[in-house]
Amino acid sequence: MANGQVSSTSDMIDYFIAFFLPPVGVFLKRGLNADFVINILLTILGWIPGVIHAWWVIGKSKRSYITHS
């Protein structure tokens, strides 16, 4: 939540999924790309590095917000 932006409900669901299955959380947010492969390798090395990376990816991914004027 950079720049004071609040996470959406879908982000919170992604964080929850990433807590238990980090590669799935990254896949849902970014698809099949380098982040997904990196997360699988980090999760194999240890569950905690995989979770930290997944939360970082979810937090840094682009969000689309609807602004009400």
C-alpha atoms as a PDB file:
ATOM      1  CA  MET A   1       0.000   0.000   0.000  1.00  0.00           C
ATOM      2  CA  ALA A   2       2.390   2.477  -1.291  1.00  0.00           C
ATOM      3  CA  ASN A   3       1.414   6.107  -1.489  1.00  0.00           C
ATOM      4  CA  GLY A   4      -1.261   5.676   1.173  1.00  0.00           C
ATOM      5  CA  GLN A   5      -3.413   3.393  -0.976  1.00  0.00           C
ATOM      6  CA  VAL A   6      -5.517   0.804   0.771  1.00  0.00           C
ATOM      7  CA  SER A   7      -5.570  -2.826  -0.359  1.00  0.00           C
ATOM      8  CA  SER A   8      -8.662  -4.027  -2.097  1.00  0.00           C
ATOM      9  CA  THR A   9     -10.621  -7.071  -0.983  1.00  0.00           C
ATOM     10  CA  SER A  10      -9.080  -9.132  -3.782  1.00  0.00           C
ATOM     11  CA  ASP A  11      -5.606  -8.191  -2.521  1.00  0.00           C
ATOM     12  CA  MET A  12      -6.533  -9.382   0.961  1.00  0.00           C
ATOM     13  CA  ILE A  13      -7.721 -12.690  -0.484  1.00  0.00           C
ATOM     14  CA  ASP A  14      -4.442 -12.947  -2.428  1.00  0.00           C
ATOM     15  CA  TYR A  15      -2.446 -12.304   0.772  1.00  0.00           C
ATOM     16  CA  PHE A  16      -4.436 -15.034   2.545  1.00  0.00           C
ATOM     17  CA  ILE A  17      -3.859 -17.532  -0.281  1.00  0.00           C
ATOM     18  CA  ALA A  18      -0.167 -16.595  -0.446  1.00  0.00           C
ATOM     19  CA  PHE A  19       0.205 -17.327   3.251  1.00  0.00           C
ATOM     20  CA  PHE A  20      -0.650 -20.994   2.698  1.00  0.00           C
ATOM     21  CA  LEU A  21       0.417 -21.506  -0.934  1.00  0.00           C
ATOM     22  CA  PRO A  22       2.836 -18.734  -1.956  1.00  0.00           C
ATOM     23  CA  PRO A  23       3.213 -19.721  -5.648  1.00  0.00           C
ATOM     24  CA  VAL A  24      -0.567 -19.733  -6.104  1.00  0.00           C
ATOM     25  CA  GLY A  25      -0.818 -16.194  -4.748  1.00  0.00           C
ATOM     26  CA  VAL A  26       1.882 -15.000  -7.158  1.00  0.00           C
ATOM     27  CA  PHE A  27       0.244 -16.828 -10.070  1.00  0.00           C
ATOM     28  CA  LEU A  28      -3.122 -15.215  -9.369  1.00  0.00           C
ATOM     29  CA  LYS A  29      -1.574 -11.750  -9.294  1.00  0.00           C
ATOM     30  CA  ARG A  30       1.081 -11.956 -12.049  1.00  0.00           C
ATOM     31  CA  GLY A  31       0.486 -15.135 -14.077  1.00  0.00           C
ATOM     32  CA  LEU A  32       3.208 -17.412 -15.421  1.00  0.00           C
ATOM     33  CA  ASN A  33       6.314 -15.242 -15.489  1.00  0.00           C
ATOM     34  CA  ALA A  34       9.681 -14.892 -13.761  1.00  0.00           C
ATOM     35  CA  ASP A  35       8.071 -13.925 -10.437  1.00  0.00           C
ATOM     36  CA  PHE A  36       6.196 -17.223 -10.387  1.00  0.00           C
ATOM     37  CA  VAL A  37       9.346 -19.273 -11.055  1.00  0.00           C
ATOM     38  CA  ILE A  38      11.336 -17.310  -8.466  1.00  0.00           C
ATOM     39  CA  ASN A  39       8.603 -17.871  -5.924  1.00  0.00           C
ATOM     40  CA  ILE A  40       8.548 -21.617  -6.544  1.00  0.00           C
ATOM     41  CA  LEU A  41      12.322 -21.755  -6.002  1.00  0.00           C
ATOM     42  CA  LEU A  42      12.093 -19.664  -2.824  1.00  0.00           C
ATOM     43  CA  THR A  43       9.255 -21.826  -1.508  1.00  0.00           C
ATOM     44  CA  ILE A  44      11.345 -24.966  -2.141  1.00  0.00           C
ATOM     45  CA  LEU A  45      14.188 -23.365  -0.170  1.00  0.00           C
ATOM     46  CA  GLY A  46      11.818 -22.570   2.650  1.00  0.00           C
ATOM     47  CA  TRP A  47       8.214 -21.633   3.217  1.00  0.00           C
ATOM     48  CA  ILE A  48       8.966 -18.248   4.840  1.00  0.00           C
ATOM     49  CA  PRO A  49      11.056 -16.868   1.906  1.00  0.00           C
ATOM     50  CA  GLY A  50       8.249 -17.903  -0.435  1.00  0.00           C
ATOM     51  CA  VAL A  51       5.624 -16.116   1.651  1.00  0.00           C
ATOM     52  CA  ILE A  52       7.716 -12.945   1.953  1.00  0.00           C
ATOM     53  CA  HIS A  53       8.304 -12.859  -1.804  1.00  0.00           C
ATOM     54  CA  ALA A  54       4.629 -13.549  -2.559  1.00  0.00           C
ATOM     55  CA  TRP A  55       3.484 -10.726  -0.264  1.00  0.00           C
ATOM     56  CA  TRP A  56       6.033  -8.396  -1.873  1.00  0.00           C
ATOM     57  CA  VAL A  57       4.773  -9.271  -5.366  1.00  0.00           C
ATOM     58  CA  ILE A  58       1.146  -8.769  -4.334  1.00  0.00           C
ATOM     59  CA  GLY A  59       1.954  -5.465  -2.661  1.00  0.00           C
ATOM     60  CA  LYS A  60       3.942  -4.123  -5.620  1.00  0.00           C
ATOM     61  CA  SER A  61       1.660  -5.241  -8.454  1.00  0.00           C
ATOM     62  CA  LYS A  62      -0.348  -2.630 -10.317  1.00  0.00           C
ATOM     63  CA  ARG A  63      -3.863  -2.051  -9.132  1.00  0.00           C
ATOM     64  CA  SER A  64      -6.731  -0.463 -10.992  1.00  0.00           C
ATOM     65  CA  TYR A  65      -8.785   1.861  -8.861  1.00  0.00           C
ATOM     66  CA  ILE A  66     -12.078   3.489  -9.672  1.00  0.00           C
ATOM     67  CA  THR A  67     -12.116   7.093  -8.575  1.00  0.00           C
ATOM     68  CA  HIS A  68     -15.410   8.734  -7.710  1.00  0.00           C
ATOM     69  CA  SER A  69     -15.640  12.437  -8.425  1.00  0.00           C
END
